[in-house]
Amino acid sequence: MLETVEDGLTDTKGIAQFASVSSRTIQNWVDQKKIPVIRLSPRCVRFSRRAVARAIDRFTVKEAA
């Protein structure tokens, strides 16, 4: 996944589309500290696509064949 990711900042909705999950799932991952977040203010958060892709790769289970 990481090879095809362009770096840039995006909001919760954008990162949810990028990860193919709901915005609520993104909020849960932030609360659980599974993905990195940039807090500009209490209500304004942004995400680095590359940093989120690395975090997702860390907790992705790879099947052994």
Protein backbone atom coordinates (compact mmCIF):
# COMPACT_ATOMS: atom_id res chain seq x y z
CA MET A 1 0.00 0.00 0.00
CA LEU A 2 2.77 2.43 0.95
CA GLU A 3 4.44 2.48 -2.48
CA THR A 4 1.38 4.01 -4.17
CA VAL A 5 0.61 6.64 -1.51
CA GLU A 6 1.21 10.28 -2.32
CA ASP A 7 2.10 12.38 0.70
CA GLY A 8 -0.30 15.14 1.65
CA LEU A 9 -2.60 16.24 4.43
CA THR A 10 -6.27 15.41 4.47
CA ASP A 11 -9.22 15.62 6.83
CA THR A 12 -11.15 12.83 8.56
CA LYS A 13 -13.50 12.25 5.65
CA GLY A 14 -10.62 12.10 3.18
CA ILE A 15 -8.61 9.63 5.24
CA ALA A 16 -11.74 7.50 5.76
CA GLN A 17 -12.19 7.26 1.99
CA PHE A 18 -8.48 6.52 1.58
CA ALA A 19 -8.66 3.67 4.13
CA SER A 20 -12.12 2.47 2.95
CA VAL A 21 -13.64 2.78 6.41
CA SER A 22 -16.15 5.11 8.07
CA SER A 23 -15.31 8.45 9.65
CA ARG A 24 -16.29 6.96 13.02
CA THR A 25 -13.70 4.20 12.57
CA ILE A 26 -11.07 6.88 11.95
CA GLN A 27 -12.13 8.61 15.19
CA ASN A 28 -11.89 5.29 17.05
CA TRP A 29 -8.40 4.66 15.65
CA VAL A 30 -7.32 8.16 16.72
CA ASP A 31 -8.74 7.62 20.22
CA GLN A 32 -6.94 4.24 20.41
CA LYS A 33 -3.74 5.90 19.11
CA LYS A 34 -3.54 3.47 16.18
CA ILE A 35 -3.00 6.20 13.59
CA PRO A 36 -1.11 9.49 13.85
CA VAL A 37 -3.06 12.74 13.81
CA ILE A 38 -2.09 16.41 13.48
CA ARG A 39 -4.27 18.57 15.76
CA LEU A 40 -4.47 22.16 14.56
CA SER A 41 -7.17 22.90 17.14
CA PRO A 42 -9.51 20.73 19.22
CA ARG A 43 -11.94 20.43 16.28
CA CYS A 44 -9.56 20.76 13.34
CA VAL A 45 -7.50 17.63 12.70
CA ARG A 46 -5.50 16.54 9.67
CA PHE A 47 -3.80 13.33 8.69
CA SER A 48 -0.72 12.55 6.61
CA ARG A 49 -1.69 9.89 4.07
CA ARG A 50 1.78 8.35 4.14
CA ALA A 51 1.90 8.19 7.97
CA VAL A 52 -1.57 6.63 8.12
CA ALA A 53 -0.61 4.08 5.43
CA ARG A 54 2.43 3.09 7.51
CA ALA A 55 0.26 2.72 10.63
CA ILE A 56 -2.30 0.61 8.77
CA ASP A 57 0.50 -1.59 7.41
CA ARG A 58 1.70 -2.17 11.00
CA PHE A 59 -1.60 -3.60 12.19
CA THR A 60 -2.56 -5.42 9.01
CA VAL A 61 -2.51 -9.19 9.47
CA LYS A 62 -0.67 -10.93 6.67
CA GLU A 63 -1.71 -14.50 5.93
CA ALA A 64 0.94 -17.21 5.86
CA ALA A 65 0.71 -19.57 2.94
